[in-house]
């Protein structure tokens, strides 16, 4: 049986570090670099997401690859929707039978599957970035790391009050008696 965990308060009293809770972990804000080799439409999607995440103060440099994948998938999704608009959701395909005769078969358009897969992936990425109502509270805010301020005790000179020189000639002896 493992030893029980020491509470955080006991760690503070003993001056030890708690290994099961990382209080020092802060996510540093940053703007990812624009990826190379993507279309101008994908770049505009990348910029739009960066702007949205920076307004929410959750944008970091580590989000670059995830946002690039989203932007490329968004571009692929829009191209698939253009094909669907032109061809329809059910498309005719030529199929050869065992005798080599061509037959027209109506099947689900292949671009419909591409669009569906892109939509599932984009929804997952938006969830990972905290851009849906369910995962909004799970994403930590990116804040600049503050240097730790150590508690210092005042020195003896700081705690003792300065002594004022008392002029003994200014004391009224008649008021004291």
Foldseek 3Di string as FASTA:
>chain_A
DDDDDDDPVVCVVVVHDDPVDDPQDAAAADQADQDPDDDPQLSVQLVVVSVVLVVVQQHHNVCRVLSSVLSRLVVLLVVLVVVCVVAPQWHWDWDADPVRDTDIDIDGDPSVVSNVVSVVSNVVSCLVSLNDPVNVVVGDHHDHRDDDDDDDDDDPVVPDDDDDDDDPVPDDPVVVD
